[in-house]
Amino acid sequence: MVSGEKTEQSEVPARGGAARTRGRPRSFDRATALEAALLAFWEHGYEATSVSDLTRVMDIGAPSLYAAFGDKRSLFEEVVREYGVRYGSFGDRALAEEPTARAGIERMLREAAAEYTAPGRPHGCLVVHAAANCSTAEVGESLRERRNANIAAIESRIEADVDQGVLPPDTDAAALARYTGAMIQGMSQQARDGASRAELEALAEIALAVWPRG
């Protein structure tokens, strides 16, 4: 990958001896640069990752960053979307593919233990960690909405099981969903603090012990 700060390249002189210059096509791979930004935000959070940090890890100049991605906040919004597709979709799949809410949550917690401790990349969840010490209100609110949307999806899945008689009619779906969200967010922080996959899987087992039976 070469730097985004490009020099003009001369073409063969045109008739009459006048040299023309090409335009300045982007000379970096956008997907590679986006992944580098994702890892930087994931590791350090939104607030602590500066534009100079981003240009360094993305190997492009500031003008190229702004031209390709917009400002820091716009880049971060794209990063969060990319993270959701590449790394953060395991929870949605678990809820959609498992036959019951409990089975979905069990799979979600086990996969969180694996994803949050995977080698070769930052530990924990970007959506949880990037909000730490974030003083940009719009960014903090956007991340909070994402976390709350995840909890709402869990609650909806639990309510469906209550309606179908899989769970007892007195199940507090909202509280159980909030509890599950707290476990997921806590596992993210524990992973960043050095907890292993096995330790997080043991935590998931304890969390599932309180799950109501039909």
Protein backbone atom coordinates (compact mmCIF):
# COMPACT_ATOMS: atom_id res chain seq x y z
CA MET A 1 0.00 0.00 0.00
CA VAL A 2 1.38 3.37 -0.92
CA SER A 3 0.79 6.72 0.65
CA GLY A 4 -2.32 8.70 -0.18
CA GLU A 5 -0.16 11.76 -0.75
CA LYS A 6 0.42 11.37 -4.46
CA THR A 7 2.68 13.07 -6.96
CA GLU A 8 1.50 13.93 -10.40
CA GLN A 9 2.55 11.52 -13.13
CA SER A 10 3.42 12.81 -16.60
CA GLU A 11 1.99 11.34 -19.71
CA VAL A 12 3.77 11.15 -23.05
CA PRO A 13 4.06 14.73 -24.29
CA ALA A 14 1.17 15.78 -26.49
CA ARG A 15 1.63 17.15 -29.97
CA GLY A 16 3.30 20.51 -29.91
CA GLY A 17 5.56 19.44 -27.02
CA ALA A 18 3.11 20.40 -24.26
CA ALA A 19 3.07 17.85 -21.45
CA ARG A 20 -0.24 16.93 -19.86
CA THR A 21 -0.65 15.67 -16.35
CA ARG A 22 -3.07 13.06 -15.16
CA GLY A 23 -5.55 13.64 -12.41
CA ARG A 24 -4.98 12.27 -8.92
CA PRO A 25 -6.69 8.89 -8.69
CA ARG A 26 -6.82 7.42 -5.22
CA SER A 27 -3.64 5.38 -4.75
CA PHE A 28 -4.67 3.29 -1.74
CA ASP A 29 -7.01 0.40 -1.18
CA ARG A 30 -10.11 1.77 0.53
CA ALA A 31 -11.11 -1.51 2.19
CA THR A 32 -7.65 -1.97 3.64
CA ALA A 33 -7.59 1.58 4.96
CA LEU A 34 -11.07 1.16 6.49
CA GLU A 35 -9.99 -2.03 8.27
CA ALA A 36 -6.97 -0.22 9.70
CA ALA A 37 -9.23 2.55 11.00
CA LEU A 38 -11.61 -0.05 12.47
CA LEU A 39 -8.81 -1.70 14.41
CA ALA A 40 -7.57 1.66 15.70
CA PHE A 41 -11.00 2.72 16.97
CA TRP A 42 -11.57 -0.76 18.40
CA GLU A 43 -8.30 -0.68 20.31
CA HIS A 44 -8.34 2.91 21.57
CA GLY A 45 -11.95 4.10 21.43
CA TYR A 46 -13.39 7.06 19.59
CA GLU A 47 -12.10 9.91 21.71
CA ALA A 48 -8.53 8.69 22.10
CA THR A 49 -8.05 8.02 18.37
CA SER A 50 -6.90 11.21 16.67
CA VAL A 51 -6.90 12.08 12.99
CA SER A 52 -3.11 11.85 13.01
CA ASP A 53 -3.39 8.35 14.51
CA LEU A 54 -5.78 7.41 11.73
CA THR A 55 -3.66 8.76 8.89
CA ARG A 56 -0.68 6.89 10.31
CA VAL A 57 -2.34 3.47 10.58
CA MET A 58 -4.29 3.93 7.34
CA ASP A 59 -1.10 5.02 5.56
CA ILE A 60 -2.76 7.99 3.87
CA GLY A 61 -2.59 11.75 4.22
CA ALA A 62 -5.28 13.82 5.86
CA PRO A 63 -6.58 15.23 2.52
CA SER A 64 -7.03 11.68 1.22
CA LEU A 65 -8.81 10.63 4.42
CA TYR A 66 -11.26 13.52 4.21
CA ALA A 67 -11.84 12.97 0.50
CA ALA A 68 -12.49 9.25 0.85
CA PHE A 69 -14.27 9.03 4.22
CA GLY A 70 -15.32 12.51 5.31
CA ASP A 71 -14.41 13.75 8.78
CA LYS A 72 -13.46 11.61 11.78
CA ARG A 73 -17.06 11.15 12.89
CA SER A 74 -18.19 10.06 9.40
CA LEU A 75 -15.32 7.60 9.23
CA PHE A 76 -16.25 6.22 12.64
CA GLU A 77 -19.88 5.75 11.60
CA GLU A 78 -18.71 3.71 8.61
CA VAL A 79 -16.36 1.74 10.86
CA VAL A 80 -19.23 0.86 13.22
CA ARG A 81 -21.33 -0.38 10.31
CA GLU A 82 -18.43 -2.45 9.00
CA TYR A 83 -17.77 -3.85 12.48
CA GLY A 84 -21.41 -4.88 12.77
CA VAL A 85 -21.22 -6.82 9.51
CA ARG A 86 -17.80 -8.43 9.98
CA TYR A 87 -17.47 -8.96 13.73
CA GLY A 88 -20.65 -8.05 15.60
CA SER A 89 -23.41 -9.99 13.86
CA PHE A 90 -23.06 -13.23 15.84
CA GLY A 91 -25.74 -12.18 18.32
CA ASP A 92 -28.36 -11.44 15.66
CA ARG A 93 -27.64 -14.77 13.97
CA ALA A 94 -27.95 -16.66 17.24
CA LEU A 95 -31.35 -15.16 18.03
CA ALA A 96 -32.61 -15.76 14.50
CA GLU A 97 -31.34 -19.29 13.99
CA GLU A 98 -31.85 -21.00 17.35
CA PRO A 99 -35.27 -22.53 18.16
CA THR A 100 -35.74 -20.79 21.53
CA ALA A 101 -34.66 -17.56 23.18
CA ARG A 102 -32.64 -19.48 25.76
CA ALA A 103 -30.80 -21.43 23.07
CA GLY A 104 -30.14 -18.19 21.23
CA ILE A 105 -28.77 -16.49 24.33
CA GLU A 106 -26.64 -19.50 25.21
CA ARG A 107 -25.09 -19.46 21.75
CA MET A 108 -24.70 -15.68 21.87
CA LEU A 109 -22.80 -15.78 25.16
CA ARG A 110 -20.56 -18.64 24.04
CA GLU A 111 -19.76 -16.92 20.76
CA ALA A 112 -19.13 -13.66 22.60
CA ALA A 113 -16.55 -15.47 24.72
CA ALA A 114 -14.80 -16.61 21.54
CA GLU A 115 -15.16 -13.37 19.57
CA TYR A 116 -14.11 -11.08 22.41
CA THR A 117 -10.88 -13.01 23.02
CA ALA A 118 -9.96 -13.90 19.44
CA PRO A 119 -6.21 -13.57 18.82
CA GLY A 120 -4.78 -11.07 16.37
CA ARG A 121 -7.23 -8.24 17.00
CA PRO A 122 -8.42 -6.03 19.88
CA HIS A 123 -10.41 -7.78 22.60
CA GLY A 124 -13.94 -6.96 23.64
CA CYS A 125 -16.65 -5.21 21.64
CA LEU A 126 -15.98 -2.03 19.66
CA VAL A 127 -19.50 -0.68 20.27
CA VAL A 128 -19.02 -1.04 24.02
CA HIS A 129 -15.42 0.11 24.27
CA ALA A 130 -15.54 3.02 21.81
CA ALA A 131 -18.06 4.80 24.04
CA ALA A 132 -15.65 4.94 26.99
CA ASN A 133 -14.70 8.51 27.91
CA CYS A 134 -16.45 9.77 24.77
CA SER A 135 -17.26 13.46 25.07
CA THR A 136 -18.84 13.76 21.61
CA ALA A 137 -22.53 13.63 22.42
CA GLU A 138 -23.70 12.49 18.98
CA VAL A 139 -21.26 9.58 18.91
CA GLY A 140 -22.13 8.51 22.44
CA GLU A 141 -25.85 8.63 21.64
CA SER A 142 -25.40 6.61 18.44
CA LEU A 143 -23.52 3.86 20.27
CA ARG A 144 -26.08 3.88 23.09
CA GLU A 145 -28.88 3.45 20.56
CA ARG A 146 -27.10 0.44 19.06
CA ARG A 147 -26.66 -1.20 22.45
CA ASN A 148 -30.29 -0.55 23.38
CA ALA A 149 -31.45 -1.91 20.02
CA ASN A 150 -29.61 -5.15 20.78
CA ILE A 151 -31.35 -5.40 24.15
CA ALA A 152 -34.72 -4.68 22.50
CA ALA A 153 -34.12 -7.51 20.02
CA ILE A 154 -33.40 -9.89 22.90
CA GLU A 155 -36.54 -8.77 24.72
CA SER A 156 -38.64 -9.31 21.60
CA ARG A 157 -37.28 -12.84 21.22
CA ILE A 158 -38.05 -13.63 24.86
CA GLU A 159 -41.57 -12.23 24.55
CA ALA A 160 -42.17 -14.49 21.54
CA ASP A 161 -41.29 -17.52 23.67
CA VAL A 162 -43.60 -16.33 26.44
CA ASP A 163 -46.46 -15.96 23.94
CA GLN A 164 -45.80 -19.49 22.63
CA GLY A 165 -45.68 -21.02 26.09
CA VAL A 166 -41.98 -21.88 25.90
CA LEU A 167 -41.32 -19.63 28.89
CA PRO A 168 -43.59 -19.07 31.92
CA PRO A 169 -46.23 -16.34 31.48
CA ASP A 170 -44.82 -14.35 34.41
CA THR A 171 -41.35 -14.09 32.81
CA ASP A 172 -40.10 -10.50 33.00
CA ALA A 173 -38.86 -10.21 29.43
CA ALA A 174 -37.54 -6.67 29.84
CA ALA A 175 -35.51 -7.50 32.95
CA LEU A 176 -34.17 -10.73 31.46
CA ALA A 177 -33.11 -8.90 28.29
CA ARG A 178 -31.45 -6.16 30.31
CA TYR A 179 -29.64 -8.81 32.36
CA THR A 180 -28.40 -10.46 29.18
CA GLY A 181 -27.20 -7.11 27.83
CA ALA A 182 -25.32 -6.49 31.07
CA MET A 183 -23.64 -9.87 30.74
CA ILE A 184 -22.57 -9.21 27.14
CA GLN A 185 -21.20 -5.76 28.00
CA GLY A 186 -19.49 -7.10 31.10
CA MET A 187 -17.87 -9.91 29.13
CA SER A 188 -16.51 -7.31 26.72
CA GLN A 189 -14.81 -5.40 29.52
CA GLN A 190 -13.58 -8.58 31.17
CA ALA A 191 -11.99 -9.61 27.87
CA ARG A 192 -10.20 -6.27 27.65
CA ASP A 193 -9.00 -6.79 31.21
CA GLY A 194 -7.40 -10.09 30.23
CA ALA A 195 -10.08 -12.73 30.88
CA SER A 196 -9.60 -15.82 28.74
CA ARG A 197 -12.16 -17.51 26.54
CA ALA A 198 -12.53 -20.33 29.08
CA GLU A 199 -13.12 -17.85 31.89
CA LEU A 200 -15.80 -16.05 29.90
CA GLU A 201 -17.44 -19.36 28.96
CA ALA A 202 -17.62 -20.23 32.67
CA LEU A 203 -19.26 -16.87 33.28
CA ALA A 204 -21.79 -17.62 30.55
CA GLU A 205 -22.69 -20.89 32.28
CA ILE A 206 -23.45 -19.05 35.51
CA ALA A 207 -25.49 -16.46 33.62
CA LEU A 208 -27.64 -19.17 32.03
CA ALA A 209 -28.36 -20.78 35.41
CA VAL A 210 -30.88 -18.04 36.24
CA TRP A 211 -32.81 -18.56 33.01
CA PRO A 212 -36.45 -19.51 33.66
CA ARG A 213 -37.74 -22.88 32.53
CA GLY A 214 -41.01 -23.41 30.73
